[in-house]
Amino acid sequence: MQPNLKVWPNPFQDKIQITSGEPIHRLEVYDLTGKRLLEKLIQNQNSTELNLRGLHGPLILRTTFKNGTSEQVVLVSQHPGY
């Protein structure tokens, strides 16, 4: 089954919404050097909100699904000057 991952808004300000056809297990946010900035464990839900306040992009969102597969999405900050 394809996860059918949707992430919005992108560019983001403080929060993003994430939905998927596959239950989500974990969300991780990395900077472009590969440093993990945030991790959130999800109780196998198909949608969630992620607070990115204080983080400025570009960032990489890695979503790991209950079935063990993962997808990455590049997030762009809408904050002026970034």
Protein backbone atom coordinates (compact mmCIF):
# COMPACT_ATOMS: atom_id res chain seq x y z
CA MET A 1 0.00 0.00 0.00
CA GLN A 2 1.33 3.45 -0.92
CA PRO A 3 1.36 5.81 2.08
CA ASN A 4 -0.06 8.73 0.00
CA LEU A 5 1.69 11.24 2.27
CA LYS A 6 0.39 14.84 2.28
CA VAL A 7 2.15 17.66 4.13
CA TRP A 8 0.87 21.24 4.25
CA PRO A 9 1.36 24.15 4.32
CA ASN A 10 4.71 24.11 2.59
CA PRO A 11 6.20 26.71 2.88
CA PHE A 12 5.33 26.64 6.60
CA GLN A 13 5.34 29.22 9.40
CA ASP A 14 4.96 27.43 12.74
CA LYS A 15 2.97 24.22 12.21
CA ILE A 16 2.39 21.63 9.52
CA GLN A 17 -0.40 19.10 9.02
CA ILE A 18 0.46 15.57 7.93
CA THR A 19 -1.94 12.95 6.57
CA SER A 20 -1.29 9.52 5.13
CA GLY A 21 -3.13 6.48 3.84
CA GLU A 22 -0.79 4.35 5.99
CA PRO A 23 -0.61 4.69 9.81
CA ILE A 24 2.29 6.93 10.86
CA HIS A 25 4.73 5.60 13.47
CA ARG A 26 7.35 8.37 13.77
CA LEU A 27 8.16 11.86 12.48
CA GLU A 28 11.71 13.21 12.41
CA VAL A 29 12.90 16.64 11.28
CA TYR A 30 16.49 17.15 10.12
CA ASP A 31 18.48 20.13 8.93
CA LEU A 32 20.39 19.87 5.65
CA THR A 33 23.55 18.68 7.43
CA GLY A 34 21.65 15.62 8.69
CA LYS A 35 21.33 16.79 12.30
CA ARG A 36 18.07 15.61 13.85
CA LEU A 37 16.21 18.60 15.30
CA LEU A 38 12.94 16.99 16.33
CA GLU A 39 11.40 13.55 16.80
CA LYS A 40 7.76 12.74 17.52
CA LEU A 41 6.39 9.24 18.07
CA ILE A 42 2.85 8.79 16.80
CA GLN A 43 0.39 6.16 18.04
CA ASN A 44 -0.25 4.79 14.53
CA GLN A 45 -2.53 7.63 13.48
CA ASN A 46 -3.18 8.61 9.88
CA SER A 47 -3.00 12.35 10.60
CA THR A 48 -1.21 14.65 13.00
CA GLU A 49 0.03 18.19 13.48
CA LEU A 50 3.70 19.02 14.00
CA ASN A 51 4.85 22.21 15.73
CA LEU A 52 7.95 23.61 14.00
CA ARG A 53 8.04 26.92 15.88
CA GLY A 54 11.62 28.16 16.15
CA LEU A 55 12.87 25.96 13.29
CA HIS A 56 13.86 27.60 10.04
CA GLY A 57 14.28 25.80 6.74
CA PRO A 58 14.95 24.28 4.53
CA LEU A 59 14.33 21.15 6.61
CA ILE A 60 13.80 17.48 5.84
CA LEU A 61 10.75 15.70 7.28
CA ARG A 62 11.19 11.93 7.49
CA THR A 63 7.96 10.03 8.09
CA THR A 64 8.21 6.38 9.13
CA PHE A 65 5.07 4.31 8.77
CA LYS A 66 3.77 1.40 10.85
CA ASN A 67 4.76 -1.02 8.06
CA GLY A 68 8.43 0.09 8.34
CA THR A 69 8.65 2.12 5.13
CA SER A 70 9.52 5.82 5.17
CA GLU A 71 9.23 8.93 3.01
CA GLN A 72 11.11 12.22 3.06
CA VAL A 73 9.75 15.67 2.23
CA VAL A 74 11.70 18.92 2.01
CA LEU A 75 10.07 21.67 4.07
CA VAL A 76 10.62 25.35 3.37
CA SER A 77 10.30 28.01 6.06
CA GLN A 78 8.13 31.01 5.22
CA HIS A 79 9.90 33.24 7.78
CA PRO A 80 11.41 36.39 6.26
CA GLY A 81 15.14 36.25 5.78
CA TYR A 82 15.40 32.47 5.43
